[in-house]
Amino acid sequence: MEGIEAILPRVLRRLGATRQVRQVRVEAAFAKVCGEYIRPHVRVYAVERSVLVLACAHPAIAHQLQIEAATILDSINAEVGGRVLTRLRFVPEAGTPPAPRPQQGS
């Protein structure tokens, strides 16, 4: 009798859910890699074939992540397996709008 670990991948492929499962696994691995300090400022936006697309709130953080791209991708690839992620791409994160300013002279 086959175990669930042998059956589940076939079922997910038939349902067309392998892309979503991969994205969730990449998100979890990225959360481990980036740590608590960076996590509020960056999130996995998408996984497009071999490209990890990150939504980033600050250009400085995107720049630092780009410098560390090889280490980040190696760590994620080691944990997730499957198709290898080869590069990072960044999109701006909208973030929260600034608080309204109080009216002058009222």
Protein backbone atom coordinates (compact mmCIF):
# COMPACT_ATOMS: atom_id res chain seq x y z
CA MET A 1 0.00 0.00 0.00
CA GLU A 2 1.30 3.45 -0.94
CA GLY A 3 1.83 6.09 1.70
CA ILE A 4 0.38 9.59 1.57
CA GLU A 5 3.79 11.05 0.60
CA ALA A 6 3.67 9.00 -2.61
CA ILE A 7 0.03 9.74 -3.43
CA LEU A 8 -0.21 13.44 -2.57
CA PRO A 9 2.09 14.78 -5.32
CA ARG A 10 0.04 12.98 -8.01
CA VAL A 11 -3.25 14.27 -6.59
CA LEU A 12 -1.95 17.86 -6.43
CA ARG A 13 -0.72 17.66 -10.04
CA ARG A 14 -4.13 16.44 -11.20
CA LEU A 15 -5.82 19.29 -9.34
CA GLY A 16 -3.39 21.83 -10.77
CA ALA A 17 -2.32 22.90 -7.28
CA THR A 18 1.42 22.30 -7.52
CA ARG A 19 2.18 25.98 -8.26
CA GLN A 20 0.29 27.15 -5.17
CA VAL A 21 1.95 24.52 -2.98
CA ARG A 22 5.37 25.54 -4.26
CA GLN A 23 4.66 29.21 -3.57
CA VAL A 24 3.58 28.45 0.01
CA ARG A 25 6.72 26.38 0.58
CA VAL A 26 8.90 29.18 -0.84
CA GLU A 27 7.11 31.74 1.38
CA ALA A 28 7.79 29.63 4.47
CA ALA A 29 11.44 29.13 3.54
CA PHE A 30 11.89 32.85 2.81
CA ALA A 31 10.38 33.74 6.18
CA LYS A 32 13.04 31.58 7.87
CA VAL A 33 15.84 33.08 5.79
CA CYS A 34 14.93 36.76 6.11
CA GLY A 35 14.38 36.78 9.87
CA GLU A 36 12.23 38.88 12.18
CA TYR A 37 13.85 42.24 11.40
CA ILE A 38 13.25 42.16 7.63
CA ARG A 39 9.94 40.25 7.58
CA PRO A 40 7.65 43.30 8.15
CA HIS A 41 9.23 45.09 5.18
CA VAL A 42 9.30 42.40 2.49
CA ARG A 43 7.05 39.56 1.34
CA VAL A 44 6.97 36.96 -1.39
CA TYR A 45 4.87 38.49 -4.16
CA ALA A 46 5.11 35.62 -6.63
CA VAL A 47 7.19 32.69 -7.81
CA GLU A 48 7.54 32.88 -11.59
CA ARG A 49 9.33 29.79 -12.85
CA SER A 50 12.90 30.32 -11.61
CA VAL A 51 12.40 33.90 -10.36
CA LEU A 52 11.44 34.84 -6.81
CA VAL A 53 9.50 38.12 -6.93
CA LEU A 54 9.60 40.08 -3.68
CA ALA A 55 7.43 43.07 -2.75
CA CYS A 56 9.64 45.41 -0.78
CA ALA A 57 8.69 48.52 1.19
CA HIS A 58 12.09 50.23 1.03
CA PRO A 59 14.65 50.42 -1.81
CA ALA A 60 17.50 50.08 0.71
CA ILE A 61 16.16 46.72 1.87
CA ALA A 62 15.75 45.55 -1.73
CA HIS A 63 19.35 46.57 -2.40
CA GLN A 64 20.63 44.62 0.61
CA LEU A 65 18.60 41.55 -0.35
CA GLN A 66 19.99 41.76 -3.90
CA ILE A 67 23.53 41.76 -2.47
CA GLU A 68 22.68 38.62 -0.48
CA ALA A 69 20.70 37.00 -3.32
CA ALA A 70 22.98 33.98 -3.77
CA THR A 71 22.79 33.05 -0.09
CA ILE A 72 19.02 33.61 0.05
CA LEU A 73 18.35 31.55 -3.07
CA ASP A 74 20.68 28.73 -1.98
CA SER A 75 18.89 28.48 1.38
CA ILE A 76 15.42 28.46 -0.19
CA ASN A 77 16.40 25.96 -2.89
CA ALA A 78 17.92 23.61 -0.28
CA GLU A 79 14.69 23.62 1.73
CA VAL A 80 12.07 23.61 -1.04
CA GLY A 81 13.63 21.45 -3.73
CA GLY A 82 12.06 21.10 -7.18
CA ARG A 83 12.69 23.77 -9.80
CA VAL A 84 15.67 25.86 -8.79
CA LEU A 85 15.18 29.57 -8.12
CA THR A 86 17.97 31.46 -9.88
CA ARG A 87 17.29 35.15 -9.31
CA LEU A 88 15.38 37.75 -7.32
CA ARG A 89 13.16 40.47 -8.76
CA PHE A 90 11.63 43.28 -6.75
CA VAL A 91 8.34 45.16 -7.00
CA PRO A 92 7.41 48.12 -4.80
CA GLU A 93 5.20 47.47 -1.80
CA ALA A 94 2.49 50.09 -1.39
CA GLY A 95 2.61 50.02 2.40
CA THR A 96 0.27 52.08 4.53
CA PRO A 97 -0.57 55.66 3.58
CA PRO A 98 0.75 58.43 5.82
CA ALA A 99 -1.55 59.76 8.52
CA PRO A 100 -3.51 62.88 7.52
CA ARG A 101 -2.04 66.19 8.65
CA PRO A 102 -4.07 68.38 10.99
CA GLN A 103 -5.70 71.40 9.35
CA GLN A 104 -4.03 74.75 10.02
CA GLY A 105 -6.13 77.68 11.28
CA SER A 106 -9.24 75.69 12.21
